[in-house]
Each structure stands twice: as structure tokens, then as C-alpha cells.
Amino acid sequence: MTVKAILAEKGYGVFTLGPNEKLGEAIRLLAEHRVGALVVTNTEGKIVGIISERDIVRVMASHGAAALDMAVRDSMTPKVKICNENHTVNEIMEIMTAGRFRHLPVEKDGKLYGIISIGDVVKRRIEDVEREAEQIKAYIATA
């Protein structure tokens, strides 16, 4: 199973914001869209960072309410791990586990193409395991 198949099922929509937006706006968007991370892009659609709930908690712990007026670029993770549509679910799990993060932007032709979350990966793995179990049951029943 590949990233391409996951995106074909779940869709290619990604919630983004610019690096000069305020952290308060990032919090509003996270809550409004009920997501755990936003991809930070420049005007050309290139990925320049990612801001997650964890990033926000860290900056709020350090700066308190004043953090709400800080620019996203000062709180985001600038070195973003990315994948492409040909990565497999197992490769995505390895990348997420090694980096200890839950969201992985998908890039195509140098631009943001989609996003894969740990929830997407878990859902796909559960579906795969259930399908395999059904196939084994069917095989045993016909043997």
C-alpha cells in the first residue's frame, strides 16, 4: 500500500498558513479544522515548515500568552520530513517512528501535494490486517 492509494481514498486537501501569520491564527485553524498540524507554505506553495500542537505547547510554556502574537515562523519546525506518493505504509511508519512525529507532508514536483497522519497509517494497517485475517479464514474454510 502506498501514499498514493491513501491520498486517493482520503483526499489531497491540506490546511496551510503562511510563516508570517500569528500563532493565535494557527491555533484557531487547528481548532476549526480539528487537525493536529498545519503545513507552513510560502506564496509559491513550497513547504517551509510545519506547526503542530506540540510546537504550540512548547512555545506557550516558554512565552505564555505573549506567544499568541508571535509569528508562526518563530514556532514552527522548519526542517520538515516529507514523503512522496510512492512511499509505502511501512516506510511512512519508519519515518514517523524515527522522527517521533505524527504528520508527514507529501510533496510532488517540489510543492505540497497532500498530508499523511499517523491516523491514516493506523487505519490502513488495521484494514490490511483485517483483510488478511478474512483471507486466511476463507482459505482454511475451503481447505
N, C-alpha and C. Protein backbone atom coordinates (compact mmCIF):
# COMPACT_ATOMS: atom_id res chain seq x y z
N MET A 1 0.84 -1.18 0.00
CA MET A 1 0.00 0.00 0.00
C MET A 1 0.89 1.24 0.00
N THR A 2 0.54 2.21 -0.84
CA THR A 2 1.36 3.40 -0.98
C THR A 2 0.62 4.66 -0.52
N VAL A 3 1.38 5.72 -0.39
CA VAL A 3 0.83 7.03 -0.04
C VAL A 3 -0.19 7.45 -1.10
N LYS A 4 0.09 7.14 -2.34
CA LYS A 4 -0.82 7.50 -3.43
C LYS A 4 -2.21 6.89 -3.20
N ALA A 5 -2.26 5.64 -2.78
CA ALA A 5 -3.54 4.97 -2.53
C ALA A 5 -4.26 5.59 -1.33
N ILE A 6 -3.53 5.94 -0.30
CA ILE A 6 -4.14 6.57 0.87
C ILE A 6 -4.74 7.92 0.49
N LEU A 7 -3.97 8.72 -0.25
CA LEU A 7 -4.46 10.04 -0.66
C LEU A 7 -5.66 9.94 -1.59
N ALA A 8 -5.65 8.92 -2.45
CA ALA A 8 -6.79 8.73 -3.36
C ALA A 8 -8.07 8.46 -2.58
N GLU A 9 -7.94 7.79 -1.44
CA GLU A 9 -9.10 7.48 -0.61
C GLU A 9 -9.51 8.65 0.28
N LYS A 10 -8.54 9.28 0.94
CA LYS A 10 -8.86 10.32 1.92
C LYS A 10 -8.93 11.72 1.33
N GLY A 11 -8.26 11.94 0.23
CA GLY A 11 -8.25 13.26 -0.40
C GLY A 11 -6.91 13.94 -0.26
N TYR A 12 -6.75 15.00 -1.03
CA TYR A 12 -5.47 15.70 -1.12
C TYR A 12 -5.45 17.02 -0.36
N GLY A 13 -6.55 17.37 0.27
CA GLY A 13 -6.64 18.64 0.97
C GLY A 13 -5.70 18.73 2.15
N VAL A 14 -5.06 19.87 2.27
CA VAL A 14 -4.15 20.13 3.38
C VAL A 14 -4.43 21.55 3.89
N PHE A 15 -4.50 21.70 5.19
CA PHE A 15 -4.69 23.02 5.76
C PHE A 15 -3.31 23.66 5.95
N THR A 16 -3.18 24.88 5.43
CA THR A 16 -1.89 25.56 5.44
C THR A 16 -2.05 26.98 5.99
N LEU A 17 -0.92 27.58 6.25
CA LEU A 17 -0.86 29.00 6.55
C LEU A 17 0.54 29.49 6.25
N GLY A 18 0.70 30.80 6.20
CA GLY A 18 2.00 31.39 5.88
C GLY A 18 2.86 31.57 7.11
N PRO A 19 4.16 31.70 6.91
CA PRO A 19 5.09 31.82 8.04
C PRO A 19 4.95 33.12 8.82
N ASN A 20 4.33 34.14 8.23
CA ASN A 20 4.17 35.42 8.92
C ASN A 20 2.87 35.54 9.69
N GLU A 21 2.02 34.53 9.58
CA GLU A 21 0.77 34.53 10.35
C GLU A 21 1.09 34.45 11.85
N LYS A 22 0.19 34.90 12.65
CA LYS A 22 0.36 34.86 14.10
C LYS A 22 0.03 33.47 14.64
N LEU A 23 0.65 33.11 15.73
CA LEU A 23 0.41 31.81 16.36
C LEU A 23 -1.06 31.67 16.76
N GLY A 24 -1.67 32.76 17.17
CA GLY A 24 -3.09 32.72 17.50
C GLY A 24 -3.94 32.26 16.33
N GLU A 25 -3.59 32.66 15.12
CA GLU A 25 -4.30 32.21 13.92
C GLU A 25 -4.08 30.73 13.68
N ALA A 26 -2.88 30.25 13.92
CA ALA A 26 -2.60 28.82 13.78
C ALA A 26 -3.46 28.02 14.74
N ILE A 27 -3.58 28.48 15.96
CA ILE A 27 -4.41 27.80 16.96
C ILE A 27 -5.87 27.79 16.52
N ARG A 28 -6.34 28.91 16.00
CA ARG A 28 -7.72 28.99 15.53
C ARG A 28 -7.97 27.98 14.40
N LEU A 29 -7.04 27.91 13.45
CA LEU A 29 -7.20 26.98 12.32
C LEU A 29 -7.15 25.52 12.77
N LEU A 30 -6.25 25.21 13.69
CA LEU A 30 -6.18 23.84 14.21
C LEU A 30 -7.52 23.44 14.84
N ALA A 31 -8.07 24.33 15.64
CA ALA A 31 -9.34 24.05 16.31
C ALA A 31 -10.49 23.98 15.31
N GLU A 32 -10.52 24.92 14.39
CA GLU A 32 -11.61 24.98 13.41
C GLU A 32 -11.66 23.72 12.54
N HIS A 33 -10.50 23.26 12.11
CA HIS A 33 -10.44 22.12 11.20
C HIS A 33 -10.25 20.79 11.93
N ARG A 34 -10.09 20.87 13.25
CA ARG A 34 -9.92 19.66 14.07
C ARG A 34 -8.77 18.79 13.56
N VAL A 35 -7.62 19.43 13.37
CA VAL A 35 -6.41 18.74 12.93
C VAL A 35 -5.29 19.00 13.93
N GLY A 36 -4.24 18.21 13.84
CA GLY A 36 -3.14 18.33 14.78
C GLY A 36 -1.93 19.09 14.27
N ALA A 37 -1.95 19.44 12.97
CA ALA A 37 -0.80 20.16 12.41
C ALA A 37 -1.23 20.92 11.16
N LEU A 38 -0.51 22.00 10.89
CA LEU A 38 -0.71 22.80 9.69
C LEU A 38 0.63 22.87 8.96
N VAL A 39 0.57 22.75 7.65
CA VAL A 39 1.79 22.89 6.87
C VAL A 39 1.98 24.37 6.58
N VAL A 40 3.20 24.84 6.79
CA VAL A 40 3.53 26.24 6.54
C VAL A 40 4.14 26.32 5.14
N THR A 41 3.52 27.14 4.29
CA THR A 41 3.97 27.25 2.90
C THR A 41 4.26 28.71 2.56
N ASN A 42 5.11 28.89 1.54
CA ASN A 42 5.34 30.24 1.04
C ASN A 42 4.34 30.54 -0.06
N THR A 43 4.46 31.69 -0.68
CA THR A 43 3.48 32.10 -1.68
C THR A 43 3.51 31.22 -2.94
N GLU A 44 4.59 30.49 -3.16
CA GLU A 44 4.68 29.59 -4.31
C GLU A 44 4.18 28.19 -4.00
N GLY A 45 3.72 27.97 -2.78
CA GLY A 45 3.22 26.65 -2.39
C GLY A 45 4.30 25.69 -1.94
N LYS A 46 5.52 26.18 -1.74
CA LYS A 46 6.59 25.32 -1.25
C LYS A 46 6.50 25.19 0.26
N ILE A 47 6.83 24.01 0.75
CA ILE A 47 6.81 23.74 2.19
C ILE A 47 8.00 24.42 2.84
N VAL A 48 7.71 25.27 3.85
CA VAL A 48 8.79 25.93 4.58
C VAL A 48 8.81 25.54 6.05
N GLY A 49 7.79 24.78 6.47
CA GLY A 49 7.74 24.34 7.87
C GLY A 49 6.44 23.63 8.15
N ILE A 50 6.33 23.20 9.39
CA ILE A 50 5.09 22.59 9.87
C ILE A 50 4.92 23.03 11.32
N ILE A 51 3.68 23.30 11.69
CA ILE A 51 3.42 23.67 13.08
C ILE A 51 2.36 22.72 13.63
N SER A 52 2.72 22.10 14.72
CA SER A 52 1.84 21.11 15.33
C SER A 52 1.40 21.58 16.72
N GLU A 53 0.47 20.84 17.27
CA GLU A 53 0.03 21.13 18.63
C GLU A 53 1.21 21.09 19.60
N ARG A 54 2.11 20.16 19.38
CA ARG A 54 3.29 20.05 20.26
C ARG A 54 4.15 21.30 20.18
N ASP A 55 4.35 21.83 18.97
CA ASP A 55 5.13 23.07 18.81
C ASP A 55 4.48 24.20 19.60
N ILE A 56 3.16 24.28 19.51
CA ILE A 56 2.44 25.35 20.18
C ILE A 56 2.54 25.21 21.70
N VAL A 57 2.42 24.01 22.20
CA VAL A 57 2.55 23.78 23.65
C VAL A 57 3.93 24.22 24.12
N ARG A 58 4.96 23.89 23.37
CA ARG A 58 6.33 24.27 23.77
C ARG A 58 6.50 25.78 23.85
N VAL A 59 6.03 26.50 22.82
CA VAL A 59 6.21 27.95 22.81
C VAL A 59 5.32 28.62 23.86
N MET A 60 4.13 28.07 24.09
CA MET A 60 3.26 28.64 25.13
C MET A 60 3.88 28.43 26.52
N ALA A 61 4.52 27.29 26.72
CA ALA A 61 5.18 27.03 28.01
C ALA A 61 6.31 28.01 28.25
N SER A 62 7.00 28.41 27.18
CA SER A 62 8.13 29.33 27.31
C SER A 62 7.71 30.80 27.39
N HIS A 63 6.69 31.17 26.60
CA HIS A 63 6.35 32.58 26.45
C HIS A 63 4.98 32.97 26.99
N GLY A 64 4.18 32.01 27.40
CA GLY A 64 2.85 32.31 27.91
C GLY A 64 1.95 32.92 26.84
N ALA A 65 1.02 33.74 27.27
CA ALA A 65 0.04 34.33 26.35
C ALA A 65 0.68 35.21 25.29
N ALA A 66 1.86 35.75 25.55
CA ALA A 66 2.55 36.59 24.56
C ALA A 66 2.86 35.80 23.29
N ALA A 67 2.92 34.49 23.39
CA ALA A 67 3.21 33.65 22.23
C ALA A 67 2.14 33.79 21.16
N LEU A 68 0.92 34.12 21.54
CA LEU A 68 -0.18 34.22 20.57
C LEU A 68 0.09 35.26 19.49
N ASP A 69 0.90 36.27 19.81
CA ASP A 69 1.22 37.32 18.85
C ASP A 69 2.53 37.08 18.10
N MET A 70 3.18 35.96 18.39
CA MET A 70 4.42 35.63 17.70
C MET A 70 4.11 35.11 16.30
N ALA A 71 5.05 35.29 15.39
CA ALA A 71 4.89 34.77 14.03
C ALA A 71 5.06 33.25 14.04
N VAL A 72 4.31 32.60 13.19
CA VAL A 72 4.39 31.14 13.08
C VAL A 72 5.83 30.70 12.80
N ARG A 73 6.56 31.46 12.00
CA ARG A 73 7.94 31.08 11.63
C ARG A 73 8.84 30.93 12.86
N ASP A 74 8.48 31.61 13.96
CA ASP A 74 9.27 31.54 15.18
C ASP A 74 8.92 30.33 16.05
N SER A 75 7.86 29.62 15.70
CA SER A 75 7.41 28.47 16.48
C SER A 75 7.40 27.16 15.71
N MET A 76 7.40 27.25 14.39
CA MET A 76 7.26 26.06 13.55
C MET A 76 8.52 25.20 13.54
N THR A 77 8.36 24.00 13.08
CA THR A 77 9.50 23.13 12.81
C THR A 77 9.92 23.40 11.38
N PRO A 78 11.11 23.99 11.17
CA PRO A 78 11.49 24.39 9.82
C PRO A 78 12.05 23.25 8.95
N LYS A 79 12.64 22.26 9.57
CA LYS A 79 13.20 21.15 8.80
C LYS A 79 12.17 20.03 8.76
N VAL A 80 11.34 20.05 7.73
CA VAL A 80 10.21 19.14 7.64
C VAL A 80 10.60 17.89 6.87
N LYS A 81 10.35 16.76 7.48
CA LYS A 81 10.48 15.49 6.76
C LYS A 81 9.28 15.40 5.82
N ILE A 82 9.53 14.96 4.61
CA ILE A 82 8.44 14.82 3.65
C ILE A 82 8.51 13.43 3.02
N CYS A 83 7.44 13.09 2.32
CA CYS A 83 7.42 11.85 1.56
C CYS A 83 6.83 12.15 0.20
N ASN A 84 6.81 11.13 -0.65
CA ASN A 84 6.16 11.28 -1.94
C ASN A 84 5.12 10.19 -2.09
N GLU A 85 4.37 10.23 -3.16
CA GLU A 85 3.25 9.31 -3.32
C GLU A 85 3.67 7.86 -3.52
N ASN A 86 4.95 7.60 -3.75
CA ASN A 86 5.42 6.23 -3.95
C ASN A 86 5.90 5.55 -2.67
N HIS A 87 5.98 6.29 -1.57
CA HIS A 87 6.36 5.69 -0.30
C HIS A 87 5.30 4.68 0.12
N THR A 88 5.75 3.61 0.75
CA THR A 88 4.81 2.59 1.26
C THR A 88 4.39 2.94 2.69
N VAL A 89 3.35 2.29 3.14
CA VAL A 89 2.88 2.49 4.51
C VAL A 89 4.00 2.12 5.49
N ASN A 90 4.71 1.03 5.23
CA ASN A 90 5.80 0.62 6.13
C ASN A 90 6.90 1.68 6.17
N GLU A 91 7.24 2.27 5.03
CA GLU A 91 8.26 3.32 5.01
C GLU A 91 7.79 4.55 5.79
N ILE A 92 6.52 4.89 5.65
CA ILE A 92 5.96 6.03 6.38
C ILE A 92 6.02 5.79 7.88
N MET A 93 5.66 4.56 8.29
CA MET A 93 5.72 4.23 9.72
C MET A 93 7.14 4.37 10.24
N GLU A 94 8.12 3.93 9.48
CA GLU A 94 9.53 4.05 9.90
C GLU A 94 9.93 5.51 10.03
N ILE A 95 9.56 6.35 9.06
CA ILE A 95 9.91 7.77 9.10
C ILE A 95 9.27 8.45 10.31
N MET A 96 7.99 8.18 10.53
CA MET A 96 7.29 8.80 11.65
C MET A 96 7.85 8.33 12.99
N THR A 97 8.13 7.04 13.09
CA THR A 97 8.66 6.50 14.35
C THR A 97 10.05 7.07 14.64
N ALA A 98 10.90 7.10 13.63
CA ALA A 98 12.27 7.61 13.82
C ALA A 98 12.25 9.09 14.20
N GLY A 99 11.37 9.87 13.57
CA GLY A 99 11.31 11.30 13.83
C GLY A 99 10.43 11.70 14.99
N ARG A 100 9.64 10.73 15.49
CA ARG A 100 8.71 10.97 16.60
C ARG A 100 7.73 12.09 16.29
N PHE A 101 7.12 12.01 15.11
CA PHE A 101 6.08 12.96 14.75
C PHE A 101 4.91 12.22 14.13
N ARG A 102 3.78 12.92 14.01
CA ARG A 102 2.53 12.28 13.61
C ARG A 102 1.96 12.77 12.29
N HIS A 103 2.63 13.71 11.63
CA HIS A 103 2.15 14.25 10.36
C HIS A 103 3.31 14.34 9.39
N LEU A 104 3.05 13.91 8.16
CA LEU A 104 4.09 13.88 7.14
C LEU A 104 3.54 14.47 5.85
N PRO A 105 4.00 15.67 5.48
CA PRO A 105 3.55 16.26 4.22
C PRO A 105 4.02 15.42 3.03
N VAL A 106 3.21 15.41 2.00
CA VAL A 106 3.53 14.72 0.76
C VAL A 106 3.86 15.79 -0.27
N GLU A 107 4.99 15.61 -0.93
CA GLU A 107 5.44 16.60 -1.90
C GLU A 107 5.47 15.97 -3.29
N LYS A 108 5.08 16.77 -4.27
CA LYS A 108 5.15 16.33 -5.67
C LYS A 108 5.60 17.52 -6.50
N ASP A 109 6.61 17.31 -7.31
CA ASP A 109 7.16 18.38 -8.16
C ASP A 109 7.56 19.61 -7.34
N GLY A 110 8.09 19.37 -6.13
CA GLY A 110 8.58 20.45 -5.29
C GLY A 110 7.52 21.24 -4.56
N LYS A 111 6.25 20.78 -4.64
CA LYS A 111 5.17 21.50 -3.98
C LYS A 111 4.34 20.57 -3.12
N LEU A 112 3.64 21.15 -2.17
CA LEU A 112 2.77 20.40 -1.27
C LEU A 112 1.67 19.72 -2.08
N TYR A 113 1.49 18.42 -1.83
CA TYR A 113 0.55 17.61 -2.61
C TYR A 113 -0.53 16.98 -1.73
N GLY A 114 -0.20 16.77 -0.46
CA GLY A 114 -1.12 16.15 0.48
C GLY A 114 -0.45 16.02 1.83
N ILE A 115 -1.10 15.32 2.74
CA ILE A 115 -0.51 15.06 4.06
C ILE A 115 -1.00 13.72 4.56
N ILE A 116 -0.11 13.00 5.21
CA ILE A 116 -0.43 11.70 5.81
C ILE A 116 -0.26 11.85 7.31
N SER A 117 -1.26 11.39 8.06
CA SER A 117 -1.17 11.43 9.52
C SER A 117 -1.00 10.01 10.05
N ILE A 118 -0.60 9.92 11.30
CA ILE A 118 -0.46 8.61 11.92
C ILE A 118 -1.82 7.90 11.93
N GLY A 119 -2.90 8.65 12.04
CA GLY A 119 -4.24 8.07 11.99
C GLY A 119 -4.51 7.41 10.65
N ASP A 120 -4.06 8.03 9.57
CA ASP A 120 -4.21 7.43 8.23
C ASP A 120 -3.46 6.12 8.14
N VAL A 121 -2.25 6.10 8.69
CA VAL A 121 -1.40 4.91 8.64
C VAL A 121 -2.03 3.79 9.48
N VAL A 122 -2.47 4.11 10.68
CA VAL A 122 -3.08 3.09 11.55
C VAL A 122 -4.34 2.53 10.91
N LYS A 123 -5.16 3.40 10.37
CA LYS A 123 -6.40 2.95 9.71
C LYS A 123 -6.08 1.97 8.58
N ARG A 124 -5.10 2.31 7.76
CA ARG A 124 -4.73 1.46 6.63
C ARG A 124 -4.18 0.11 7.11
N ARG A 125 -3.35 0.15 8.15
CA ARG A 125 -2.78 -1.10 8.67
C ARG A 125 -3.86 -2.00 9.25
N ILE A 126 -4.82 -1.42 9.96
CA ILE A 126 -5.93 -2.21 10.51
C ILE A 126 -6.73 -2.84 9.38
N GLU A 127 -7.02 -2.07 8.35
CA GLU A 127 -7.75 -2.62 7.20
C GLU A 127 -6.98 -3.78 6.55
N ASP A 128 -5.66 -3.62 6.42
CA ASP A 128 -4.83 -4.67 5.83
C ASP A 128 -4.86 -5.94 6.67
N VAL A 129 -4.72 -5.79 7.98
CA VAL A 129 -4.72 -6.95 8.88
C VAL A 129 -6.08 -7.65 8.86
N GLU A 130 -7.16 -6.87 8.87
CA GLU A 130 -8.50 -7.47 8.82
C GLU A 130 -8.71 -8.23 7.51
N ARG A 131 -8.26 -7.65 6.40
CA ARG A 131 -8.39 -8.30 5.11
C ARG A 131 -7.59 -9.61 5.07
N GLU A 132 -6.38 -9.57 5.59
CA GLU A 132 -5.55 -10.77 5.63
C GLU A 132 -6.19 -11.86 6.49
N ALA A 133 -6.77 -11.47 7.62
CA ALA A 133 -7.43 -12.44 8.50
C ALA A 133 -8.62 -13.08 7.78
N GLU A 134 -9.38 -12.29 7.07
CA GLU A 134 -10.52 -12.83 6.31
C GLU A 134 -10.05 -13.79 5.22
N GLN A 135 -8.95 -13.46 4.56
CA GLN A 135 -8.40 -14.33 3.52
C GLN A 135 -7.93 -15.66 4.10
N ILE A 136 -7.30 -15.60 5.27
CA ILE A 136 -6.84 -16.83 5.93
C ILE A 136 -8.03 -17.67 6.34
N LYS A 137 -9.07 -17.03 6.90
CA LYS A 137 -10.28 -17.78 7.29
C LYS A 137 -10.91 -18.44 6.07
N ALA A 138 -11.00 -17.72 4.97
CA ALA A 138 -11.59 -18.26 3.75
C ALA A 138 -10.75 -19.44 3.23
N TYR A 139 -9.45 -19.31 3.31
CA TYR A 139 -8.56 -20.37 2.84
C TYR A 139 -8.73 -21.63 3.70
N ILE A 140 -8.78 -21.44 5.01
CA ILE A 140 -8.94 -22.57 5.93
C ILE A 140 -10.30 -23.23 5.72
N ALA A 141 -11.34 -22.43 5.52
CA ALA A 141 -12.70 -22.98 5.33
C ALA A 141 -12.81 -23.79 4.04
N THR A 142 -12.02 -23.45 3.04
CA THR A 142 -12.09 -24.18 1.76
C THR A 142 -11.07 -25.29 1.65
N ALA A 143 -10.19 -25.43 2.62
CA ALA A 143 -9.12 -26.43 2.54
C ALA A 143 -9.61 -27.82 2.87
